[in-house]
Amino acid sequence: MLFQVTEIEFDFSDSCCELSENDMINITDDSLGRWDADDEEDLIEEITCATGWCIKSIDYKIILN
């Protein structure tokens, strides 16, 4: 399935190092857009693995072909 991630919030407080505001924005912006996943759970796992950050909230649409 294809998903269009429209909004995402990461848990940047769970970190051993401090990220700049710019880094947080870049990670968030890079995570928006199309993702290929089996279901919502897989989508969250794909994004978490790709970014290294846990997701606090996510909004998306399923793209129908």
C-alpha atoms as a PDB file:
ATOM      1  CA  MET A   1       0.000   0.000   0.000  1.00  0.00           C
ATOM      2  CA  LEU A   2       1.073   3.557  -0.590  1.00  0.00           C
ATOM      3  CA  PHE A   3       0.667   6.124   2.173  1.00  0.00           C
ATOM      4  CA  GLN A   4       0.927   9.904   1.916  1.00  0.00           C
ATOM      5  CA  VAL A   5       2.229  11.194   5.257  1.00  0.00           C
ATOM      6  CA  THR A   6       0.841  14.707   5.703  1.00  0.00           C
ATOM      7  CA  GLU A   7       1.862  15.445   9.307  1.00  0.00           C
ATOM      8  CA  ILE A   8       4.243  13.753  11.714  1.00  0.00           C
ATOM      9  CA  GLU A   9       5.582  14.514  15.190  1.00  0.00           C
ATOM     10  CA  PHE A  10       8.625  12.757  16.609  1.00  0.00           C
ATOM     11  CA  ASP A  11       9.656  12.266  20.233  1.00  0.00           C
ATOM     12  CA  PHE A  12      12.882  14.264  20.087  1.00  0.00           C
ATOM     13  CA  SER A  13      12.981  14.452  23.897  1.00  0.00           C
ATOM     14  CA  ASP A  14      14.068  10.801  24.009  1.00  0.00           C
ATOM     15  CA  SER A  15      17.657  11.516  23.001  1.00  0.00           C
ATOM     16  CA  CYS A  16      21.138  11.234  24.460  1.00  0.00           C
ATOM     17  CA  CYS A  17      22.230  14.290  22.461  1.00  0.00           C
ATOM     18  CA  GLU A  18      20.637  17.625  21.749  1.00  0.00           C
ATOM     19  CA  LEU A  19      19.343  18.327  18.250  1.00  0.00           C
ATOM     20  CA  SER A  20      19.121  21.801  16.818  1.00  0.00           C
ATOM     21  CA  GLU A  21      15.730  23.147  15.807  1.00  0.00           C
ATOM     22  CA  ASN A  22      16.914  23.018  12.189  1.00  0.00           C
ATOM     23  CA  ASP A  23      17.817  19.306  12.505  1.00  0.00           C
ATOM     24  CA  MET A  24      14.391  18.522  13.962  1.00  0.00           C
ATOM     25  CA  ILE A  25      12.673  20.381  11.120  1.00  0.00           C
ATOM     26  CA  ASN A  26      14.769  18.576   8.505  1.00  0.00           C
ATOM     27  CA  ILE A  27      14.004  15.130   9.976  1.00  0.00           C
ATOM     28  CA  THR A  28      10.300  15.952  10.088  1.00  0.00           C
ATOM     29  CA  ASP A  29      10.221  17.383   6.549  1.00  0.00           C
ATOM     30  CA  ASP A  30      12.151  14.408   5.152  1.00  0.00           C
ATOM     31  CA  SER A  31       9.525  12.068   6.633  1.00  0.00           C
ATOM     32  CA  LEU A  32       6.589  13.705   4.890  1.00  0.00           C
ATOM     33  CA  GLY A  33       5.433  12.344   1.560  1.00  0.00           C
ATOM     34  CA  ARG A  34       4.936   8.892   0.113  1.00  0.00           C
ATOM     35  CA  TRP A  35       5.827   5.679   1.913  1.00  0.00           C
ATOM     36  CA  ASP A  36       5.263   2.093   0.856  1.00  0.00           C
ATOM     37  CA  ALA A  37       4.103  -0.141   3.727  1.00  0.00           C
ATOM     38  CA  ASP A  38       1.827  -3.108   4.405  1.00  0.00           C
ATOM     39  CA  ASP A  39      -0.383  -1.313   6.957  1.00  0.00           C
ATOM     40  CA  GLU A  40      -0.302   1.500   9.552  1.00  0.00           C
ATOM     41  CA  GLU A  41       1.881  -0.481  11.949  1.00  0.00           C
ATOM     42  CA  ASP A  42       4.382  -1.213   9.185  1.00  0.00           C
ATOM     43  CA  LEU A  43       4.327   2.455   8.127  1.00  0.00           C
ATOM     44  CA  ILE A  44       5.287   3.555  11.637  1.00  0.00           C
ATOM     45  CA  GLU A  45       8.028   0.915  11.775  1.00  0.00           C
ATOM     46  CA  GLU A  46       9.399   1.973   8.365  1.00  0.00           C
ATOM     47  CA  ILE A  47       9.604   5.640   9.363  1.00  0.00           C
ATOM     48  CA  THR A  48      11.056   4.862  12.797  1.00  0.00           C
ATOM     49  CA  CYS A  49      13.763   2.665  11.253  1.00  0.00           C
ATOM     50  CA  ALA A  50      14.550   5.231   8.558  1.00  0.00           C
ATOM     51  CA  THR A  51      14.842   8.186  10.945  1.00  0.00           C
ATOM     52  CA  GLY A  52      15.909   6.547  14.200  1.00  0.00           C
ATOM     53  CA  TRP A  53      13.201   8.450  16.111  1.00  0.00           C
ATOM     54  CA  CYS A  54       9.970   7.291  17.740  1.00  0.00           C
ATOM     55  CA  ILE A  55       6.750   8.784  16.415  1.00  0.00           C
ATOM     56  CA  LYS A  56       4.424  10.639  18.781  1.00  0.00           C
ATOM     57  CA  SER A  57       1.678  11.268  16.224  1.00  0.00           C
ATOM     58  CA  ILE A  58       1.121  10.775  12.511  1.00  0.00           C
ATOM     59  CA  ASP A  59      -1.506  11.760   9.947  1.00  0.00           C
ATOM     60  CA  TYR A  60      -1.647  10.130   6.547  1.00  0.00           C
ATOM     61  CA  LYS A  61      -3.849   9.262   3.597  1.00  0.00           C
ATOM     62  CA  ILE A  62      -3.930   5.961   1.763  1.00  0.00           C
ATOM     63  CA  ILE A  63      -3.152   6.437  -1.916  1.00  0.00           C
ATOM     64  CA  LEU A  64      -5.386   4.364  -4.143  1.00  0.00           C
ATOM     65  CA  ASN A  65      -3.969   3.373  -7.510  1.00  0.00           C
END
